[in-house]
Each structure stands twice: as structure tokens, then as C-alpha cells.
């Protein structure tokens, strides 16, 4: 564990806070500095990130199913899967 002198610690802390407040975040239709965000802006950001997380989770499940199909059909690449299997995955993707 590194121990910094108090003055150096405070300078680093203040610098980190200043950087965080300058971060630009996408809110609805435009970028704005985090320091200017309102509660409504933060509500939008939270909801947007939750939607993104759900989408990523769905994608992870989709890829896991494709991986399972590779193992089941004992093939090396996705392109080697039987066409009917590929069509099933394509249909699932198209339905979204």
C-alpha cells in the first residue's frame, strides 16, 4: 500500500473529481458535461445503461447458444453449422 503525503493526495483527489465533472455523457439528444446533468438527465442515463446491459446479456445468451450448437454438431466454425441451424439463429436475430 502506497502512502501519499496529504497535500499530494488532496491534489490527486481534486484532479480526479475535476476530470469526472468534465466527462461528457450522452443525454437523450446531445452530449453534456456530467457537472451540468440534472436529476432527470441522470434518470435517463440510468435507464439507458440498464437497457444496454439487458441487450448485452441477450447477446451473450445468443452467442452461448451458437457455441453450444458448435459443440453439439462437432464443427469448428459457425459457417460449418448445418444450414437449418444457421437459419434458426438468423430467424431469432431477425425477430428482434
N, C-alpha and C. Protein backbone atom coordinates (compact mmCIF):
# COMPACT_ATOMS: atom_id res chain seq x y z
N UNK A 1 0.84 -1.18 0.00
CA UNK A 1 0.00 0.00 0.00
C UNK A 1 0.88 1.24 0.00
N UNK A 2 0.58 2.16 -0.89
CA UNK A 2 1.37 3.38 -1.01
C UNK A 2 0.72 4.47 -0.18
N UNK A 3 1.51 5.14 0.63
CA UNK A 3 1.00 6.25 1.43
C UNK A 3 1.51 7.55 0.81
N UNK A 4 0.59 8.42 0.46
CA UNK A 4 0.95 9.70 -0.12
C UNK A 4 0.89 10.79 0.94
N UNK A 5 1.71 11.79 0.81
CA UNK A 5 1.57 12.93 1.72
C UNK A 5 0.20 13.54 1.54
N UNK A 6 -0.35 14.13 2.56
CA UNK A 6 -1.71 14.68 2.50
C UNK A 6 -1.90 15.65 1.35
N UNK A 7 -0.96 16.54 1.12
CA UNK A 7 -1.11 17.53 0.05
C UNK A 7 -1.19 16.85 -1.32
N UNK A 8 -0.34 15.87 -1.54
CA UNK A 8 -0.35 15.17 -2.83
C UNK A 8 -1.65 14.39 -3.00
N UNK A 9 -2.12 13.76 -1.95
CA UNK A 9 -3.38 13.02 -2.01
C UNK A 9 -4.52 13.97 -2.37
N UNK A 10 -4.58 15.11 -1.71
CA UNK A 10 -5.65 16.07 -1.99
C UNK A 10 -5.58 16.58 -3.42
N UNK A 11 -4.39 16.83 -3.92
CA UNK A 11 -4.25 17.28 -5.30
C UNK A 11 -4.75 16.23 -6.28
N UNK A 12 -4.40 14.97 -6.04
CA UNK A 12 -4.86 13.89 -6.91
C UNK A 12 -6.37 13.73 -6.82
N UNK A 13 -6.91 13.81 -5.61
CA UNK A 13 -8.35 13.68 -5.41
C UNK A 13 -9.09 14.78 -6.14
N UNK A 14 -8.64 16.00 -5.97
CA UNK A 14 -9.28 17.14 -6.65
C UNK A 14 -9.19 16.99 -8.16
N UNK A 15 -8.05 16.52 -8.63
CA UNK A 15 -7.90 16.31 -10.07
C UNK A 15 -8.86 15.26 -10.60
N UNK A 16 -9.03 14.18 -9.85
CA UNK A 16 -9.95 13.12 -10.25
C UNK A 16 -11.39 13.62 -10.28
N UNK A 17 -11.75 14.40 -9.27
CA UNK A 17 -13.11 14.96 -9.22
C UNK A 17 -13.33 15.91 -10.39
N UNK A 18 -12.35 16.76 -10.67
CA UNK A 18 -12.47 17.69 -11.79
C UNK A 18 -12.64 16.95 -13.11
N UNK A 19 -11.88 15.88 -13.29
CA UNK A 19 -12.00 15.08 -14.53
C UNK A 19 -13.38 14.46 -14.64
N UNK A 20 -13.90 13.93 -13.52
CA UNK A 20 -15.21 13.31 -13.55
C UNK A 20 -16.28 14.34 -13.94
N UNK A 21 -16.18 15.52 -13.39
CA UNK A 21 -17.18 16.54 -13.68
C UNK A 21 -17.11 17.03 -15.12
N UNK A 22 -15.94 16.91 -15.75
CA UNK A 22 -15.79 17.31 -17.15
C UNK A 22 -16.22 16.22 -18.11
N UNK A 23 -16.37 14.99 -17.63
CA UNK A 23 -16.77 13.89 -18.52
C UNK A 23 -18.01 14.27 -19.31
N UNK A 24 -17.96 14.01 -20.62
CA UNK A 24 -19.12 14.27 -21.46
C UNK A 24 -19.96 12.99 -21.52
N UNK A 25 -21.24 13.12 -21.28
CA UNK A 25 -22.16 11.98 -21.34
C UNK A 25 -23.28 12.28 -22.32
N UNK A 26 -23.75 11.25 -22.99
CA UNK A 26 -24.86 11.41 -23.95
C UNK A 26 -26.16 11.36 -23.18
N UNK A 27 -26.93 12.42 -23.29
CA UNK A 27 -28.22 12.50 -22.60
C UNK A 27 -29.29 12.81 -23.64
N UNK A 28 -30.04 11.81 -24.03
CA UNK A 28 -31.15 11.99 -24.95
C UNK A 28 -30.73 12.32 -26.36
N UNK A 29 -30.43 13.59 -26.61
CA UNK A 29 -30.13 14.03 -27.97
C UNK A 29 -28.79 14.74 -28.10
N UNK A 30 -28.04 14.83 -27.00
CA UNK A 30 -26.78 15.57 -27.08
C UNK A 30 -25.83 15.18 -25.96
N UNK A 31 -24.57 15.53 -26.16
CA UNK A 31 -23.58 15.37 -25.11
C UNK A 31 -23.64 16.58 -24.19
N UNK A 32 -23.37 16.33 -22.93
CA UNK A 32 -23.25 17.43 -21.97
C UNK A 32 -22.28 17.02 -20.88
N UNK A 33 -21.63 17.98 -20.26
CA UNK A 33 -20.71 17.64 -19.16
C UNK A 33 -21.51 17.05 -17.99
N UNK A 34 -20.94 16.08 -17.34
CA UNK A 34 -21.62 15.46 -16.20
C UNK A 34 -21.99 16.50 -15.15
N UNK A 35 -21.13 17.50 -14.98
CA UNK A 35 -21.40 18.53 -13.95
C UNK A 35 -22.70 19.29 -14.21
N UNK A 36 -23.18 19.32 -15.46
CA UNK A 36 -24.40 20.05 -15.80
C UNK A 36 -25.65 19.17 -15.80
N UNK A 37 -25.50 17.90 -15.50
CA UNK A 37 -26.65 16.98 -15.54
C UNK A 37 -27.60 17.22 -14.37
N UNK A 38 -28.87 17.15 -14.70
CA UNK A 38 -29.92 17.27 -13.69
C UNK A 38 -30.35 15.87 -13.25
N UNK A 39 -31.26 15.81 -12.30
CA UNK A 39 -31.77 14.52 -11.86
C UNK A 39 -32.47 13.81 -13.02
N UNK A 40 -33.20 14.55 -13.84
CA UNK A 40 -33.87 13.95 -15.00
C UNK A 40 -32.84 13.38 -15.97
N UNK A 41 -31.74 14.10 -16.18
CA UNK A 41 -30.68 13.60 -17.05
C UNK A 41 -30.11 12.29 -16.50
N UNK A 42 -29.87 12.26 -15.20
CA UNK A 42 -29.31 11.05 -14.58
C UNK A 42 -30.30 9.90 -14.64
N UNK A 43 -31.59 10.19 -14.48
CA UNK A 43 -32.61 9.15 -14.65
C UNK A 43 -32.53 8.56 -16.05
N UNK A 44 -32.38 9.43 -17.06
CA UNK A 44 -32.27 8.97 -18.45
C UNK A 44 -31.03 8.10 -18.61
N UNK A 45 -29.89 8.55 -18.05
CA UNK A 45 -28.65 7.79 -18.16
C UNK A 45 -28.76 6.42 -17.51
N UNK A 46 -29.36 6.36 -16.33
CA UNK A 46 -29.53 5.08 -15.64
C UNK A 46 -30.39 4.14 -16.47
N UNK A 47 -31.51 4.64 -16.97
CA UNK A 47 -32.40 3.80 -17.78
C UNK A 47 -31.71 3.33 -19.06
N UNK A 48 -30.96 4.22 -19.70
CA UNK A 48 -30.26 3.87 -20.94
C UNK A 48 -29.22 2.79 -20.67
N UNK A 49 -28.47 2.92 -19.59
CA UNK A 49 -27.43 1.92 -19.29
C UNK A 49 -28.06 0.58 -18.92
N UNK A 50 -29.21 0.59 -18.26
CA UNK A 50 -29.90 -0.66 -17.94
C UNK A 50 -30.37 -1.35 -19.22
N UNK A 51 -30.88 -0.57 -20.18
CA UNK A 51 -31.30 -1.15 -21.47
C UNK A 51 -30.10 -1.76 -22.19
N UNK A 52 -28.97 -1.03 -22.17
CA UNK A 52 -27.76 -1.53 -22.82
C UNK A 52 -27.29 -2.83 -22.17
N UNK A 53 -27.34 -2.87 -20.85
CA UNK A 53 -26.92 -4.08 -20.13
C UNK A 53 -27.82 -5.26 -20.49
N UNK A 54 -29.12 -5.03 -20.61
CA UNK A 54 -30.04 -6.10 -20.97
C UNK A 54 -29.74 -6.60 -22.38
N UNK A 55 -29.46 -5.68 -23.29
CA UNK A 55 -29.13 -6.06 -24.66
C UNK A 55 -27.86 -6.89 -24.69
N UNK A 56 -26.85 -6.47 -23.94
CA UNK A 56 -25.60 -7.23 -23.89
C UNK A 56 -25.82 -8.62 -23.31
N UNK A 57 -26.67 -8.72 -22.30
CA UNK A 57 -26.99 -10.02 -21.72
C UNK A 57 -27.66 -10.93 -22.73
N UNK A 58 -28.58 -10.36 -23.51
CA UNK A 58 -29.26 -11.14 -24.55
C UNK A 58 -28.26 -11.62 -25.60
N UNK A 59 -27.33 -10.74 -25.98
CA UNK A 59 -26.31 -11.11 -26.97
C UNK A 59 -25.43 -12.24 -26.42
N UNK A 60 -25.06 -12.14 -25.16
CA UNK A 60 -24.22 -13.18 -24.56
C UNK A 60 -24.93 -14.53 -24.60
N UNK A 61 -26.23 -14.54 -24.30
CA UNK A 61 -27.01 -15.79 -24.37
C UNK A 61 -27.06 -16.33 -25.79
N UNK A 62 -27.23 -15.42 -26.76
CA UNK A 62 -27.28 -15.80 -28.16
C UNK A 62 -25.98 -16.49 -28.57
N UNK A 63 -24.84 -15.88 -28.21
CA UNK A 63 -23.54 -16.46 -28.56
C UNK A 63 -23.30 -17.78 -27.83
N UNK A 64 -23.79 -17.89 -26.62
CA UNK A 64 -23.65 -19.15 -25.88
C UNK A 64 -24.42 -20.28 -26.59
N UNK A 65 -25.59 -19.96 -27.13
CA UNK A 65 -26.37 -20.96 -27.86
C UNK A 65 -25.66 -21.39 -29.13
N UNK A 66 -25.04 -20.41 -29.80
CA UNK A 66 -24.29 -20.75 -31.02
C UNK A 66 -23.10 -21.63 -30.66
N UNK A 67 -22.42 -21.31 -29.57
CA UNK A 67 -21.29 -22.11 -29.11
C UNK A 67 -21.75 -23.55 -28.81
N UNK A 68 -22.90 -23.66 -28.15
CA UNK A 68 -23.46 -24.98 -27.84
C UNK A 68 -23.74 -25.75 -29.14
N UNK A 69 -24.24 -25.04 -30.15
CA UNK A 69 -24.51 -25.69 -31.43
C UNK A 69 -23.22 -26.20 -32.06
N UNK A 70 -22.13 -25.42 -31.96
CA UNK A 70 -20.84 -25.88 -32.49
C UNK A 70 -20.43 -27.19 -31.83
N UNK A 71 -20.55 -27.24 -30.50
CA UNK A 71 -20.16 -28.44 -29.77
C UNK A 71 -21.08 -29.61 -30.12
N UNK A 72 -22.37 -29.36 -30.20
CA UNK A 72 -23.34 -30.41 -30.49
C UNK A 72 -23.12 -31.01 -31.87
N UNK A 73 -22.84 -30.15 -32.85
CA UNK A 73 -22.68 -30.62 -34.22
C UNK A 73 -21.23 -30.96 -34.55
N UNK A 74 -20.36 -30.80 -33.55
CA UNK A 74 -18.94 -31.15 -33.69
C UNK A 74 -18.31 -30.51 -34.94
N UNK A 75 -18.51 -29.18 -35.03
CA UNK A 75 -17.90 -28.41 -36.13
C UNK A 75 -16.98 -27.35 -35.53
N UNK A 76 -16.10 -26.82 -36.38
CA UNK A 76 -15.09 -25.87 -35.89
C UNK A 76 -15.52 -24.42 -35.96
N UNK A 77 -16.30 -24.07 -36.96
CA UNK A 77 -16.71 -22.67 -37.12
C UNK A 77 -18.21 -22.57 -37.28
N UNK A 78 -18.73 -21.39 -37.09
CA UNK A 78 -20.16 -21.15 -37.23
C UNK A 78 -20.59 -21.44 -38.66
N UNK A 79 -19.76 -21.07 -39.61
CA UNK A 79 -20.10 -21.32 -41.02
C UNK A 79 -20.26 -22.81 -41.33
N UNK A 80 -19.66 -23.67 -40.51
CA UNK A 80 -19.75 -25.11 -40.72
C UNK A 80 -21.04 -25.72 -40.16
N UNK A 81 -21.81 -24.95 -39.44
CA UNK A 81 -23.08 -25.47 -38.90
C UNK A 81 -24.03 -25.79 -40.05
N UNK A 82 -24.90 -26.76 -39.83
CA UNK A 82 -25.91 -27.06 -40.87
C UNK A 82 -26.78 -25.84 -41.15
N UNK A 83 -27.19 -25.72 -42.40
CA UNK A 83 -27.97 -24.54 -42.81
C UNK A 83 -29.24 -24.36 -42.00
N UNK A 84 -29.90 -25.48 -41.66
CA UNK A 84 -31.14 -25.35 -40.88
C UNK A 84 -30.86 -24.75 -39.50
N UNK A 85 -29.71 -25.05 -38.92
CA UNK A 85 -29.34 -24.48 -37.62
C UNK A 85 -29.05 -22.99 -37.78
N UNK A 86 -28.29 -22.65 -38.82
CA UNK A 86 -27.99 -21.24 -39.08
C UNK A 86 -29.27 -20.43 -39.32
N UNK A 87 -30.21 -21.02 -40.05
CA UNK A 87 -31.48 -20.33 -40.31
C UNK A 87 -32.22 -20.07 -39.00
N UNK A 88 -32.17 -21.02 -38.08
CA UNK A 88 -32.82 -20.85 -36.78
C UNK A 88 -32.24 -19.65 -36.04
N UNK A 89 -30.92 -19.56 -36.02
CA UNK A 89 -30.28 -18.42 -35.35
C UNK A 89 -30.58 -17.11 -36.06
N UNK A 90 -30.56 -17.14 -37.40
CA UNK A 90 -30.85 -15.92 -38.16
C UNK A 90 -32.28 -15.47 -37.91
N UNK A 91 -33.21 -16.42 -37.83
CA UNK A 91 -34.61 -16.08 -37.59
C UNK A 91 -34.79 -15.44 -36.22
N UNK A 92 -34.07 -15.97 -35.21
CA UNK A 92 -34.15 -15.39 -33.88
C UNK A 92 -33.62 -13.96 -33.87
N UNK A 93 -32.53 -13.73 -34.58
CA UNK A 93 -31.95 -12.39 -34.65
C UNK A 93 -32.88 -11.43 -35.39
N UNK A 94 -33.50 -11.91 -36.46
CA UNK A 94 -34.39 -11.08 -37.24
C UNK A 94 -35.67 -10.72 -36.52
N UNK A 95 -36.06 -11.55 -35.56
CA UNK A 95 -37.31 -11.32 -34.82
C UNK A 95 -37.17 -10.20 -33.81
N UNK A 96 -35.94 -9.78 -33.54
CA UNK A 96 -35.73 -8.76 -32.51
C UNK A 96 -35.86 -7.37 -33.08
